[in-house]
Amino acid sequence: MNPTTRYIRRELSEVKPWTETCGLIRPLIEENHQAAAEVHHLEITDAKLHYHERTDEFYYILGGQGRMTLDDAEIELREGVVVYVPRGTKHRAWGDLKVLVVCVPRGVLHDVHEVEPSP
């Protein structure tokens, strides 16, 4: 946000994607926007197992289907599903998914801790 504008408007097509732990990411609302949260558009096929020490995440499945592990649980993901992932929860998703992720508080990209999967 800048001092004269109190809102942020971005279009998905304006944001160049890059690859990170979860897959192809487009940060729509970023840490440097100084909003209360970050909002990311993700395309997930095979995320790495990871957790966040300081960040809670809300996954909203925009399209596709897949699965997600949350600590020792495994759940199904499909369009319209919302998942709350509290900080400290080891998680990963896989399948063919388009996801909107809301990260609270901002700063999640500095709070990604990858974990080796258990044998």
PDB file of N, CA and C in Angstrom:
ATOM      1  N   MET A   1       0.852  -1.177   0.000  1.00  0.00           N
ATOM      2  CA  MET A   1       0.000   0.000   0.000  1.00  0.00           C
ATOM      3  C   MET A   1       0.891   1.231   0.000  1.00  0.00           C
ATOM      4  N   ASN A   2       0.441   2.256  -0.619  1.00  0.00           N
ATOM      5  CA  ASN A   2       1.178   3.516  -0.529  1.00  0.00           C
ATOM      6  C   ASN A   2       0.370   4.474   0.330  1.00  0.00           C
ATOM      7  N   PRO A   3       0.978   5.580   0.772  1.00  0.00           N
ATOM      8  CA  PRO A   3       0.295   6.474   1.723  1.00  0.00           C
ATOM      9  C   PRO A   3      -1.034   7.038   1.231  1.00  0.00           C
ATOM     10  N   THR A   4      -1.217   7.171  -0.085  1.00  0.00           N
ATOM     11  CA  THR A   4      -2.457   7.764  -0.578  1.00  0.00           C
ATOM     12  C   THR A   4      -3.516   6.721  -0.931  1.00  0.00           C
ATOM     13  N   THR A   5      -3.124   5.450  -1.015  1.00  0.00           N
ATOM     14  CA  THR A   5      -4.062   4.393  -1.371  1.00  0.00           C
ATOM     15  C   THR A   5      -4.154   3.394  -0.238  1.00  0.00           C
ATOM     16  N   ARG A   6      -5.365   3.080   0.183  1.00  0.00           N
ATOM     17  CA  ARG A   6      -5.541   2.156   1.305  1.00  0.00           C
ATOM     18  C   ARG A   6      -5.996   0.781   0.844  1.00  0.00           C
ATOM     19  N   TYR A   7      -5.922   0.511  -0.432  1.00  0.00           N
ATOM     20  CA  TYR A   7      -6.313  -0.794  -0.936  1.00  0.00           C
ATOM     21  C   TYR A   7      -5.238  -1.309  -1.893  1.00  0.00           C
ATOM     22  N   ILE A   8      -5.308  -2.593  -2.168  1.00  0.00           N
ATOM     23  CA  ILE A   8      -4.398  -3.225  -3.119  1.00  0.00           C
ATOM     24  C   ILE A   8      -5.256  -3.993  -4.108  1.00  0.00           C
ATOM     25  N   ARG A   9      -4.981  -3.815  -5.381  1.00  0.00           N
ATOM     26  CA  ARG A   9      -5.674  -4.568  -6.430  1.00  0.00           C
ATOM     27  C   ARG A   9      -4.628  -5.155  -7.353  1.00  0.00           C
ATOM     28  N   ARG A  10      -4.656  -6.466  -7.532  1.00  0.00           N
ATOM     29  CA  ARG A  10      -3.720  -7.129  -8.438  1.00  0.00           C
ATOM     30  C   ARG A  10      -4.463  -8.165  -9.249  1.00  0.00           C
ATOM     31  N   GLU A  11      -4.002  -8.404 -10.448  1.00  0.00           N
ATOM     32  CA  GLU A  11      -4.558  -9.454 -11.285  1.00  0.00           C
ATOM     33  C   GLU A  11      -3.554 -10.583 -11.389  1.00  0.00           C
ATOM     34  N   LEU A  12      -4.040 -11.790 -11.385  1.00  0.00           N
ATOM     35  CA  LEU A  12      -3.190 -12.963 -11.456  1.00  0.00           C
ATOM     36  C   LEU A  12      -2.227 -12.883 -12.647  1.00  0.00           C
ATOM     37  N   SER A  13      -2.717 -12.416 -13.778  1.00  0.00           N
ATOM     38  CA  SER A  13      -1.895 -12.354 -14.989  1.00  0.00           C
ATOM     39  C   SER A  13      -0.742 -11.348 -14.871  1.00  0.00           C
ATOM     40  N   GLU A  14      -0.814 -10.438 -13.912  1.00  0.00           N
ATOM     41  CA  GLU A  14       0.242  -9.432 -13.730  1.00  0.00           C
ATOM     42  C   GLU A  14       1.406  -9.947 -12.899  1.00  0.00           C
ATOM     43  N   VAL A  15       1.247 -11.092 -12.232  1.00  0.00           N
ATOM     44  CA  VAL A  15       2.243 -11.584 -11.293  1.00  0.00           C
ATOM     45  C   VAL A  15       3.025 -12.731 -11.926  1.00  0.00           C
ATOM     46  N   LYS A  16       4.336 -12.547 -12.043  1.00  0.00           N
ATOM     47  CA  LYS A  16       5.181 -13.581 -12.632  1.00  0.00           C
ATOM     48  C   LYS A  16       5.348 -14.731 -11.636  1.00  0.00           C
ATOM     49  N   PRO A  17       5.039 -15.973 -12.071  1.00  0.00           N
ATOM     50  CA  PRO A  17       5.154 -17.115 -11.155  1.00  0.00           C
ATOM     51  C   PRO A  17       6.601 -17.572 -10.994  1.00  0.00           C
ATOM     52  N   TRP A  18       6.863 -18.227  -9.878  1.00  0.00           N
ATOM     53  CA  TRP A  18       8.154 -18.866  -9.641  1.00  0.00           C
ATOM     54  C   TRP A  18       7.907 -20.107  -8.797  1.00  0.00           C
ATOM     55  N   THR A  19       8.885 -20.987  -8.729  1.00  0.00           N
ATOM     56  CA  THR A  19       8.718 -22.257  -8.024  1.00  0.00           C
ATOM     57  C   THR A  19       9.289 -22.172  -6.621  1.00  0.00           C
ATOM     58  N   GLU A  20       8.519 -22.675  -5.648  1.00  0.00           N
ATOM     59  CA  GLU A  20       8.974 -22.749  -4.257  1.00  0.00           C
ATOM     60  C   GLU A  20       8.496 -24.062  -3.662  1.00  0.00           C
ATOM     61  N   THR A  21       8.584 -24.233  -2.363  1.00  0.00           N
ATOM     62  CA  THR A  21       8.318 -25.489  -1.661  1.00  0.00           C
ATOM     63  C   THR A  21       7.000 -26.150  -2.063  1.00  0.00           C
ATOM     64  N   CYS A  22       5.951 -25.370  -2.253  1.00  0.00           N
ATOM     65  CA  CYS A  22       4.638 -25.945  -2.553  1.00  0.00           C
ATOM     66  C   CYS A  22       4.383 -26.140  -4.037  1.00  0.00           C
ATOM     67  N   GLY A  23       5.103 -25.437  -4.877  1.00  0.00           N
ATOM     68  CA  GLY A  23       4.869 -25.536  -6.312  1.00  0.00           C
ATOM     69  C   GLY A  23       5.037 -24.184  -6.964  1.00  0.00           C
ATOM     70  N   LEU A  24       4.231 -23.936  -7.987  1.00  0.00           N
ATOM     71  CA  LEU A  24       4.290 -22.673  -8.728  1.00  0.00           C
ATOM     72  C   LEU A  24       3.480 -21.623  -7.970  1.00  0.00           C
ATOM     73  N   ILE A  25       4.144 -20.550  -7.562  1.00  0.00           N
ATOM     74  CA  ILE A  25       3.510 -19.542  -6.708  1.00  0.00           C
ATOM     75  C   ILE A  25       3.426 -18.202  -7.429  1.00  0.00           C
ATOM     76  N   ARG A  26       2.318 -17.517  -7.179  1.00  0.00           N
ATOM     77  CA  ARG A  26       2.150 -16.132  -7.592  1.00  0.00           C
ATOM     78  C   ARG A  26       1.719 -15.369  -6.336  1.00  0.00           C
ATOM     79  N   PRO A  27       2.624 -14.638  -5.697  1.00  0.00           N
ATOM     80  CA  PRO A  27       2.229 -13.843  -4.521  1.00  0.00           C
ATOM     81  C   PRO A  27       1.374 -12.654  -4.955  1.00  0.00           C
ATOM     82  N   LEU A  28       0.106 -12.666  -4.587  1.00  0.00           N
ATOM     83  CA  LEU A  28      -0.813 -11.598  -4.979  1.00  0.00           C
ATOM     84  C   LEU A  28      -0.758 -10.426  -3.997  1.00  0.00           C
ATOM     85  N   ILE A  29      -0.807 -10.733  -2.723  1.00  0.00           N
ATOM     86  CA  ILE A  29      -0.596  -9.733  -1.673  1.00  0.00           C
ATOM     87  C   ILE A  29       0.674 -10.187  -0.959  1.00  0.00           C
ATOM     88  N   GLU A  30       1.731  -9.374  -1.041  1.00  0.00           N
ATOM     89  CA  GLU A  30       3.044  -9.770  -0.547  1.00  0.00           C
ATOM     90  C   GLU A  30       3.379  -9.085   0.770  1.00  0.00           C
ATOM     91  N   GLU A  31       4.419  -9.583   1.410  1.00  0.00           N
ATOM     92  CA  GLU A  31       4.870  -9.016   2.684  1.00  0.00           C
ATOM     93  C   GLU A  31       5.120  -7.517   2.578  1.00  0.00           C
ATOM     94  N   ASN A  32       5.734  -7.089   1.484  1.00  0.00           N
ATOM     95  CA  ASN A  32       6.070  -5.666   1.349  1.00  0.00           C
ATOM     96  C   ASN A  32       4.853  -4.769   1.130  1.00  0.00           C
ATOM     97  N   HIS A  33       3.679  -5.352   0.934  1.00  0.00           N
ATOM     98  CA  HIS A  33       2.457  -4.552   0.838  1.00  0.00           C
ATOM     99  C   HIS A  33       1.987  -4.067   2.211  1.00  0.00           C
ATOM    100  N   GLN A  34       2.562  -4.651   3.276  1.00  0.00           N
ATOM    101  CA  GLN A  34       2.250  -4.259   4.656  1.00  0.00           C
ATOM    102  C   GLN A  34       0.794  -4.509   5.039  1.00  0.00           C
ATOM    103  N   ALA A  35       0.159  -5.481   4.402  1.00  0.00           N
ATOM    104  CA  ALA A  35      -1.195  -5.880   4.792  1.00  0.00           C
ATOM    105  C   ALA A  35      -1.101  -6.814   6.000  1.00  0.00           C
ATOM    106  N   ALA A  36      -2.216  -7.145   6.595  1.00  0.00           N
ATOM    107  CA  ALA A  36      -2.229  -8.021   7.774  1.00  0.00           C
ATOM    108  C   ALA A  36      -1.857  -9.454   7.421  1.00  0.00           C
ATOM    109  N   ALA A  37      -2.053  -9.843   6.162  1.00  0.00           N
ATOM    110  CA  ALA A  37      -1.792 -11.206   5.721  1.00  0.00           C
ATOM    111  C   ALA A  37      -1.204 -11.176   4.321  1.00  0.00           C
ATOM    112  N   GLU A  38      -0.716 -12.326   3.877  1.00  0.00           N
ATOM    113  CA  GLU A  38      -0.302 -12.497   2.487  1.00  0.00           C
ATOM    114  C   GLU A  38      -1.320 -13.395   1.796  1.00  0.00           C
ATOM    115  N   VAL A  39      -1.479 -13.198   0.490  1.00  0.00           N
ATOM    116  CA  VAL A  39      -2.377 -14.031  -0.303  1.00  0.00           C
ATOM    117  C   VAL A  39      -1.584 -14.529  -1.507  1.00  0.00           C
ATOM    118  N   HIS A  40      -1.536 -15.857  -1.661  1.00  0.00           N
ATOM    119  CA  HIS A  40      -0.776 -16.470  -2.744  1.00  0.00           C
ATOM    120  C   HIS A  40      -1.680 -17.362  -3.585  1.00  0.00           C
ATOM    121  N   HIS A  41      -1.448 -17.350  -4.881  1.00  0.00           N
ATOM    122  CA  HIS A  41      -2.084 -18.311  -5.783  1.00  0.00           C
ATOM    123  C   HIS A  41      -1.042 -19.390  -6.045  1.00  0.00           C
ATOM    124  N   LEU A  42      -1.406 -20.656  -5.812  1.00  0.00           N
ATOM    125  CA  LEU A  42      -0.480 -21.770  -5.996  1.00  0.00           C
ATOM    126  C   LEU A  42      -1.040 -22.794  -6.963  1.00  0.00           C
ATOM    127  N   GLU A  43      -0.141 -23.347  -7.759  1.00  0.00           N
ATOM    128  CA  GLU A  43      -0.446 -24.525  -8.562  1.00  0.00           C
ATOM    129  C   GLU A  43       0.408 -25.638  -7.970  1.00  0.00           C
ATOM    130  N   ILE A  44      -0.255 -26.626  -7.370  1.00  0.00           N
ATOM    131  CA  ILE A  44       0.440 -27.669  -6.625  1.00  0.00           C
ATOM    132  C   ILE A  44       0.282 -29.006  -7.332  1.00  0.00           C
ATOM    133  N   THR A  45       1.428 -29.677  -7.540  1.00  0.00           N
ATOM    134  CA  THR A  45       1.399 -31.052  -8.028  1.00  0.00           C
ATOM    135  C   THR A  45       2.044 -31.997  -7.010  1.00  0.00           C
ATOM    136  N   ASP A  46       3.125 -31.545  -6.358  1.00  0.00           N
ATOM    137  CA  ASP A  46       3.831 -32.406  -5.396  1.00  0.00           C
ATOM    138  C   ASP A  46       4.649 -31.526  -4.453  1.00  0.00           C
ATOM    139  N   ALA A  47       4.000 -30.944  -3.462  1.00  0.00           N
ATOM    140  CA  ALA A  47       4.684 -30.055  -2.517  1.00  0.00           C
ATOM    141  C   ALA A  47       5.623 -30.850  -1.620  1.00  0.00           C
ATOM    142  N   LYS A  48       6.638 -30.174  -1.121  1.00  0.00           N
ATOM    143  CA  LYS A  48       7.551 -30.787  -0.157  1.00  0.00           C
ATOM    144  C   LYS A  48       6.948 -30.658   1.245  1.00  0.00           C
ATOM    145  N   LEU A  49       7.217 -31.654   2.090  1.00  0.00           N
ATOM    146  CA  LEU A  49       6.760 -31.615   3.466  1.00  0.00           C
ATOM    147  C   LEU A  49       7.451 -30.452   4.184  1.00  0.00           C
ATOM    148  N   HIS A  50       6.653 -29.633   4.881  1.00  0.00           N
ATOM    149  CA  HIS A  50       7.210 -28.458   5.547  1.00  0.00           C
ATOM    150  C   HIS A  50       6.270 -27.996   6.661  1.00  0.00           C
ATOM    151  N   TYR A  51       6.732 -27.025   7.424  1.00  0.00           N
ATOM    152  CA  TYR A  51       5.907 -26.389   8.452  1.00  0.00           C
ATOM    153  C   TYR A  51       6.336 -24.935   8.585  1.00  0.00           C
ATOM    154  N   HIS A  52       5.544 -24.176   9.328  1.00  0.00           N
ATOM    155  CA  HIS A  52       5.827 -22.770   9.594  1.00  0.00           C
ATOM    156  C   HIS A  52       5.801 -22.557  11.108  1.00  0.00           C
ATOM    157  N   GLU A  53       6.791 -21.888  11.644  1.00  0.00           N
ATOM    158  CA  GLU A  53       6.845 -21.627  13.084  1.00  0.00           C
ATOM    159  C   GLU A  53       5.913 -20.502  13.511  1.00  0.00           C
ATOM    160  N   ARG A  54       5.752 -19.481  12.651  1.00  0.00           N
ATOM    161  CA  ARG A  54       5.024 -18.274  13.045  1.00  0.00           C
ATOM    162  C   ARG A  54       3.792 -17.975  12.191  1.00  0.00           C
ATOM    163  N   THR A  55       3.500 -18.830  11.230  1.00  0.00           N
ATOM    164  CA  THR A  55       2.462 -18.509  10.252  1.00  0.00           C
ATOM    165  C   THR A  55       1.364 -19.566  10.220  1.00  0.00           C
ATOM    166  N   ASP A  56       0.119 -19.128  10.276  1.00  0.00           N
ATOM    167  CA  ASP A  56      -1.039 -19.980  10.024  1.00  0.00           C
ATOM    168  C   ASP A  56      -1.413 -19.818   8.548  1.00  0.00           C
ATOM    169  N   GLU A  57      -1.954 -20.881   7.949  1.00  0.00           N
ATOM    170  CA  GLU A  57      -2.361 -20.809   6.547  1.00  0.00           C
ATOM    171  C   GLU A  57      -3.796 -21.304   6.378  1.00  0.00           C
ATOM    172  N   PHE A  58      -4.492 -20.692   5.441  1.00  0.00           N
ATOM    173  CA  PHE A  58      -5.821 -21.111   5.029  1.00  0.00           C
ATOM    174  C   PHE A  58      -5.732 -21.446   3.547  1.00  0.00           C
ATOM    175  N   TYR A  59      -5.985 -22.701   3.204  1.00  0.00           N
ATOM    176  CA  TYR A  59      -5.976 -23.148   1.807  1.00  0.00           C
ATOM    177  C   TYR A  59      -7.421 -23.178   1.316  1.00  0.00           C
ATOM    178  N   TYR A  60      -7.697 -22.504   0.204  1.00  0.00           N
ATOM    179  CA  TYR A  60      -8.997 -22.598  -0.450  1.00  0.00           C
ATOM    180  C   TYR A  60      -8.746 -23.201  -1.821  1.00  0.00           C
ATOM    181  N   ILE A  61      -9.328 -24.351  -2.091  1.00  0.00           N
ATOM    182  CA  ILE A  61      -9.092 -25.054  -3.341  1.00  0.00           C
ATOM    183  C   ILE A  61      -9.981 -24.449  -4.428  1.00  0.00           C
ATOM    184  N   LEU A  62      -9.337 -23.792  -5.383  1.00  0.00           N
ATOM    185  CA  LEU A  62     -10.040 -23.140  -6.489  1.00  0.00           C
ATOM    186  C   LEU A  62     -10.429 -24.139  -7.575  1.00  0.00           C
ATOM    187  N   GLY A  63      -9.588 -25.156  -7.757  1.00  0.00           N
ATOM    188  CA  GLY A  63      -9.858 -26.136  -8.800  1.00  0.00           C
ATOM    189  C   GLY A  63      -8.947 -27.335  -8.679  1.00  0.00           C
ATOM    190  N   GLY A  64      -9.366 -28.418  -9.314  1.00  0.00           N
ATOM    191  CA  GLY A  64      -8.582 -29.643  -9.313  1.00  0.00           C
ATOM    192  C   GLY A  64      -8.906 -30.523  -8.128  1.00  0.00           C
ATOM    193  N   GLN A  65      -8.077 -31.545  -7.965  1.00  0.00           N
ATOM    194  CA  GLN A  65      -8.237 -32.450  -6.834  1.00  0.00           C
ATOM    195  C   GLN A  65      -6.896 -33.012  -6.440  1.00  0.00           C
ATOM    196  N   GLY A  66      -6.823 -33.474  -5.195  1.00  0.00           N
ATOM    197  CA  GLY A  66      -5.587 -34.038  -4.683  1.00  0.00           C
ATOM    198  C   GLY A  66      -5.765 -34.450  -3.240  1.00  0.00           C
ATOM    199  N   ARG A  67      -4.638 -34.523  -2.552  1.00  0.00           N
ATOM    200  CA  ARG A  67      -4.644 -34.936  -1.154  1.00  0.00           C
ATOM    201  C   ARG A  67      -3.665 -34.067  -0.391  1.00  0.00           C
ATOM    202  N   MET A  68      -3.802 -34.101   0.946  1.00  0.00           N
ATOM    203  CA  MET A  68      -2.921 -33.322   1.806  1.00  0.00           C
ATOM    204  C   MET A  68      -2.661 -34.116   3.075  1.00  0.00           C
ATOM    205  N   THR A  69      -1.403 -34.095   3.525  1.00  0.00           N
ATOM    206  CA  THR A  69      -1.099 -34.637   4.844  1.00  0.00           C
ATOM    207  C   THR A  69      -0.933 -33.459   5.791  1.00  0.00           C
ATOM    208  N   LEU A  70      -1.449 -33.644   7.000  1.00  0.00           N
ATOM    209  CA  LEU A  70      -1.363 -32.666   8.078  1.00  0.00           C
ATOM    210  C   LEU A  70      -0.920 -33.449   9.306  1.00  0.00           C
ATOM    211  N   ASP A  71       0.368 -33.348   9.650  1.00  0.00           N
ATOM    212  CA  ASP A  71       0.959 -34.208  10.673  1.00  0.00           C
ATOM    213  C   ASP A  71       0.683 -35.658  10.284  1.00  0.00           C
ATOM    214  N   ASP A  72      -0.090 -36.405  11.083  1.00  0.00           N
ATOM    215  CA  ASP A  72      -0.330 -37.822  10.797  1.00  0.00           C
ATOM    216  C   ASP A  72      -1.635 -38.085  10.051  1.00  0.00           C
ATOM    217  N   ALA A  73      -2.386 -37.044   9.731  1.00  0.00           N
ATOM    218  CA  ALA A  73      -3.666 -37.220   9.041  1.00  0.00           C
ATOM    219  C   ALA A  73      -3.493 -37.001   7.541  1.00  0.00           C
ATOM    220  N   GLU A  74      -4.378 -37.617   6.754  1.00  0.00           N
ATOM    221  CA  GLU A  74      -4.410 -37.390   5.310  1.00  0.00           C
ATOM    222  C   GLU A  74      -5.839 -37.077   4.917  1.00  0.00           C
ATOM    223  N   ILE A  75      -6.024 -36.011   4.127  1.00  0.00           N
ATOM    224  CA  ILE A  75      -7.368 -35.600   3.728  1.00  0.00           C
ATOM    225  C   ILE A  75      -7.445 -35.433   2.219  1.00  0.00           C
ATOM    226  N   GLU A  76      -8.673 -35.464   1.721  1.00  0.00           N
ATOM    227  CA  GLU A  76      -8.938 -35.249   0.297  1.00  0.00           C
ATOM    228  C   GLU A  76      -9.120 -33.755   0.038  1.00  0.00           C
ATOM    229  N   LEU A  77      -8.623 -33.302  -1.105  1.00  0.00           N
ATOM    230  CA  LEU A  77      -8.806 -31.916  -1.530  1.00  0.00           C
ATOM    231  C   LEU A  77      -9.530 -31.897  -2.868  1.00  0.00           C
ATOM    232  N   ARG A  78     -10.478 -30.997  -3.001  1.00  0.00           N
ATOM    233  CA  ARG A  78     -11.200 -30.795  -4.264  1.00  0.00           C
ATOM    234  C   ARG A  78     -11.747 -29.368  -4.257  1.00  0.00           C
ATOM    235  N   GLU A  79     -12.207 -28.929  -5.382  1.00  0.00           N
ATOM    236  CA  GLU A  79     -12.725 -27.573  -5.521  1.00  0.00           C
ATOM    237  C   GLU A  79     -13.751 -27.265  -4.435  1.00  0.00           C
ATOM    238  N   GLY A  80     -13.604 -26.094  -3.806  1.00  0.00           N
ATOM    239  CA  GLY A  80     -14.537 -25.644  -2.790  1.00  0.00           C
ATOM    240  C   GLY A  80     -14.150 -25.985  -1.364  1.00  0.00           C
ATOM    241  N   VAL A  81     -13.111 -26.806  -1.185  1.00  0.00           N
ATOM    242  CA  VAL A  81     -12.678 -27.198   0.164  1.00  0.00           C
ATOM    243  C   VAL A  81     -11.772 -26.106   0.743  1.00  0.00           C
ATOM    244  N   VAL A  82     -11.946 -25.839   2.034  1.00  0.00           N
ATOM    245  CA  VAL A  82     -11.081 -24.930   2.783  1.00  0.00           C
ATOM    246  C   VAL A  82     -10.394 -25.731   3.875  1.00  0.00           C
ATOM    247  N   VAL A  83      -9.086 -25.506   4.057  1.00  0.00           N
ATOM    248  CA  VAL A  83      -8.321 -26.188   5.098  1.00  0.00           C
ATOM    249  C   VAL A  83      -7.550 -25.142   5.895  1.00  0.00           C
ATOM    250  N   TYR A  84      -7.697 -25.196   7.206  1.00  0.00           N
ATOM    251  CA  TYR A  84      -6.910 -24.351   8.112  1.00  0.00           C
ATOM    252  C   TYR A  84      -5.700 -25.160   8.564  1.00  0.00           C
ATOM    253  N   VAL A  85      -4.493 -24.608   8.354  1.00  0.00           N
ATOM    254  CA  VAL A  85      -3.247 -25.265   8.749  1.00  0.00           C
ATOM    255  C   VAL A  85      -2.580 -24.396   9.820  1.00  0.00           C
ATOM    256  N   PRO A  86      -2.705 -24.781  11.100  1.00  0.00           N
ATOM    257  CA  PRO A  86      -2.096 -23.972  12.161  1.00  0.00           C
ATOM    258  C   PRO A  86      -0.575 -24.039  12.119  1.00  0.00           C
ATOM    259  N   ARG A  87       0.063 -22.982  12.588  1.00  0.00           N
ATOM    260  CA  ARG A  87       1.523 -22.968  12.666  1.00  0.00           C
ATOM    261  C   ARG A  87       2.006 -24.209  13.402  1.00  0.00           C
ATOM    262  N   GLY A  88       3.151 -24.728  12.964  1.00  0.00           N
ATOM    263  CA  GLY A  88       3.728 -25.916  13.583  1.00  0.00           C
ATOM    264  C   GLY A  88       3.261 -27.234  12.984  1.00  0.00           C
ATOM    265  N   THR A  89       2.229 -27.211  12.140  1.00  0.00           N
ATOM    266  CA  THR A  89       1.704 -28.426  11.526  1.00  0.00           C
ATOM    267  C   THR A  89       2.542 -28.794  10.302  1.00  0.00           C
ATOM    268  N   LYS A  90       3.106 -30.004  10.306  1.00  0.00           N
ATOM    269  CA  LYS A  90       3.831 -30.482   9.128  1.00  0.00           C
ATOM    270  C   LYS A  90       2.791 -30.826   8.066  1.00  0.00           C
ATOM    271  N   HIS A  91       2.979 -30.290   6.863  1.00  0.00           N
ATOM    272  CA  HIS A  91       1.974 -30.489   5.826  1.00  0.00           C
ATOM    273  C   HIS A  91       2.586 -30.500   4.434  1.00  0.00           C
ATOM    274  N   ARG A  92       1.854 -31.127   3.537  1.00  0.00           N
ATOM    275  CA  ARG A  92       2.176 -31.126   2.114  1.00  0.00           C
ATOM    276  C   ARG A  92       0.926 -31.517   1.349  1.00  0.00           C
ATOM    277  N   ALA A  93       0.833 -31.042   0.121  1.00  0.00           N
ATOM    278  CA  ALA A  93      -0.298 -31.389  -0.739  1.00  0.00           C
ATOM    279  C   ALA A  93       0.254 -31.909  -2.061  1.00  0.00           C
ATOM    280  N   TRP A  94      -0.548 -32.736  -2.737  1.00  0.00           N
ATOM    281  CA  TRP A  94      -0.163 -33.241  -4.040  1.00  0.00           C
ATOM    282  C   TRP A  94      -1.416 -33.519  -4.850  1.00  0.00           C
ATOM    283  N   GLY A  95      -1.252 -33.567  -6.144  1.00  0.00           N
ATOM    284  CA  GLY A  95      -2.370 -33.804  -7.058  1.00  0.00           C
ATOM    285  C   GLY A  95      -2.268 -32.823  -8.203  1.00  0.00           C
ATOM    286  N   ASP A  96      -3.397 -32.334  -8.629  1.00  0.00           N
ATOM    287  CA  ASP A  96      -3.479 -31.310  -9.675  1.00  0.00           C
ATOM    288  C   ASP A  96      -4.373 -30.215  -9.107  1.00  0.00           C
ATOM    289  N   LEU A  97      -3.756 -29.261  -8.407  1.00  0.00           N
ATOM    290  CA  LEU A  97      -4.506 -28.305  -7.589  1.00  0.00           C
ATOM    291  C   LEU A  97      -4.192 -26.863  -7.946  1.00  0.00           C
ATOM    292  N   LYS A  98      -5.221 -26.042  -7.970  1.00  0.00           N
ATOM    293  CA  LYS A  98      -5.077 -24.583  -7.995  1.00  0.00           C
ATOM    294  C   LYS A  98      -5.648 -24.105  -6.670  1.00  0.00           C
ATOM    295  N   VAL A  99      -4.836 -23.352  -5.923  1.00  0.00           N
ATOM    296  CA  VAL A  99      -5.167 -23.037  -4.540  1.00  0.00           C
ATOM    297  C   VAL A  99      -4.922 -21.561  -4.255  1.00  0.00           C
ATOM    298  N   LEU A 100      -5.812 -20.955  -3.482  1.00  0.00           N
ATOM    299  CA  LEU A 100      -5.588 -19.632  -2.926  1.00  0.00           C
ATOM    300  C   LEU A 100      -5.200 -19.846  -1.466  1.00  0.00           C
ATOM    301  N   VAL A 101      -4.028 -19.361  -1.074  1.00  0.00           N
ATOM    302  CA  VAL A 101      -3.551 -19.545   0.289  1.00  0.00           C
ATOM    303  C   VAL A 101      -3.449 -18.174   0.966  1.00  0.00           C
ATOM    304  N   VAL A 102      -4.093 -18.052   2.122  1.00  0.00           N
ATOM    305  CA  VAL A 102      -4.002 -16.846   2.939  1.00  0.00           C
ATOM    306  C   VAL A 102      -3.081 -17.177   4.111  1.00  0.00           C
ATOM    307  N   CYS A 103      -2.037 -16.365   4.293  1.00  0.00           N
ATOM    308  CA  CYS A 103      -1.007 -16.615   5.306  1.00  0.00           C
ATOM    309  C   CYS A 103      -1.034 -15.490   6.339  1.00  0.00           C
ATOM    310  N   VAL A 104      -1.216 -15.858   7.615  1.00  0.00           N
ATOM    311  CA  VAL A 104      -1.348 -14.889   8.699  1.00  0.00           C
ATOM    312  C   VAL A 104      -0.345 -15.221   9.794  1.00  0.00           C
ATOM    313  N   PRO A 105       0.485 -14.304  10.239  1.00  0.00           N
ATOM    314  CA  PRO A 105       0.684 -12.965   9.701  1.00  0.00           C
ATOM    315  C   PRO A 105       1.552 -13.012   8.445  1.00  0.00           C
ATOM    316  N   ARG A 106       1.791 -11.860   7.868  1.00  0.00           N
ATOM    317  CA  ARG A 106       2.647 -11.798   6.678  1.00  0.00           C
ATOM    318  C   ARG A 106       4.064 -12.241   7.042  1.00  0.00           C
ATOM    319  N   GLY A 107       4.843 -12.591   6.020  1.00  0.00           N
ATOM    320  CA  GLY A 107       6.220 -13.022   6.240  1.00  0.00           C
ATOM    321  C   GLY A 107       6.428 -14.512   6.079  1.00  0.00           C
ATOM    322  N   VAL A 108       5.468 -15.217   5.509  1.00  0.00           N
ATOM    323  CA  VAL A 108       5.532 -16.671   5.412  1.00  0.00           C
ATOM    324  C   VAL A 108       6.732 -17.160   4.600  1.00  0.00           C
ATOM    325  N   LEU A 109       7.149 -16.424   3.588  1.00  0.00           N
ATOM    326  CA  LEU A 109       8.254 -16.904   2.755  1.00  0.00           C
ATOM    327  C   LEU A 109       9.582 -16.933   3.495  1.00  0.00           C
ATOM    328  N   HIS A 110       9.637 -16.287   4.674  1.00  0.00           N
ATOM    329  CA  HIS A 110      10.818 -16.365   5.536  1.00  0.00           C
ATOM    330  C   HIS A 110      10.598 -17.368   6.662  1.00  0.00           C
ATOM    331  N   ASP A 111       9.504 -18.113   6.597  1.00  0.00           N
ATOM    332  CA  ASP A 111       9.105 -19.012   7.680  1.00  0.00           C
ATOM    333  C   ASP A 111       8.752 -20.409   7.133  1.00  0.00           C
ATOM    334  N   VAL A 112       9.484 -20.853   6.111  1.00  0.00           N
ATOM    335  CA  VAL A 112       9.258 -22.168   5.524  1.00  0.00           C
ATOM    336  C   VAL A 112      10.374 -23.093   5.988  1.00  0.00           C
ATOM    337  N   HIS A 113      10.003 -24.174   6.654  1.00  0.00           N
ATOM    338  CA  HIS A 113      10.981 -25.130   7.184  1.00  0.00           C
ATOM    339  C   HIS A 113      10.692 -26.503   6.583  1.00  0.00           C
ATOM    340  N   GLU A 114      11.496 -26.896   5.600  1.00  0.00           N
ATOM    341  CA  GLU A 114      11.291 -28.189   4.946  1.00  0.00           C
ATOM    342  C   GLU A 114      11.726 -29.313   5.871  1.00  0.00           C
ATOM    343  N   VAL A 115      11.019 -30.439   5.780  1.00  0.00           N
ATOM    344  CA  VAL A 115      11.231 -31.591   6.642  1.00  0.00           C
ATOM    345  C   VAL A 115      11.441 -32.819   5.756  1.00  0.00           C
ATOM    346  N   GLU A 116      12.383 -33.664   6.129  1.00  0.00           N
ATOM    347  CA  GLU A 116      12.539 -34.935   5.424  1.00  0.00           C
ATOM    348  C   GLU A 116      11.368 -35.832   5.794  1.00  0.00           C
ATOM    349  N   PRO A 117      10.734 -36.468   4.813  1.00  0.00           N
ATOM    350  CA  PRO A 117       9.621 -37.363   5.154  1.00  0.00           C
ATOM    351  C   PRO A 117      10.100 -38.547   5.987  1.00  0.00           C
ATOM    352  N   SER A 118       9.236 -39.041   6.844  1.00  0.00           N
ATOM    353  CA  SER A 118       9.552 -40.215   7.660  1.00  0.00           C
ATOM    354  C   SER A 118       9.633 -41.451   6.759  1.00  0.00           C
ATOM    355  N   PRO A 119      10.548 -42.380   7.087  1.00  0.00           N
ATOM    356  CA  PRO A 119      10.673 -43.594   6.255  1.00  0.00           C
ATOM    357  C   PRO A 119       9.458 -44.488   6.374  1.00  0.00           C
TER     358      PRO A 119
END
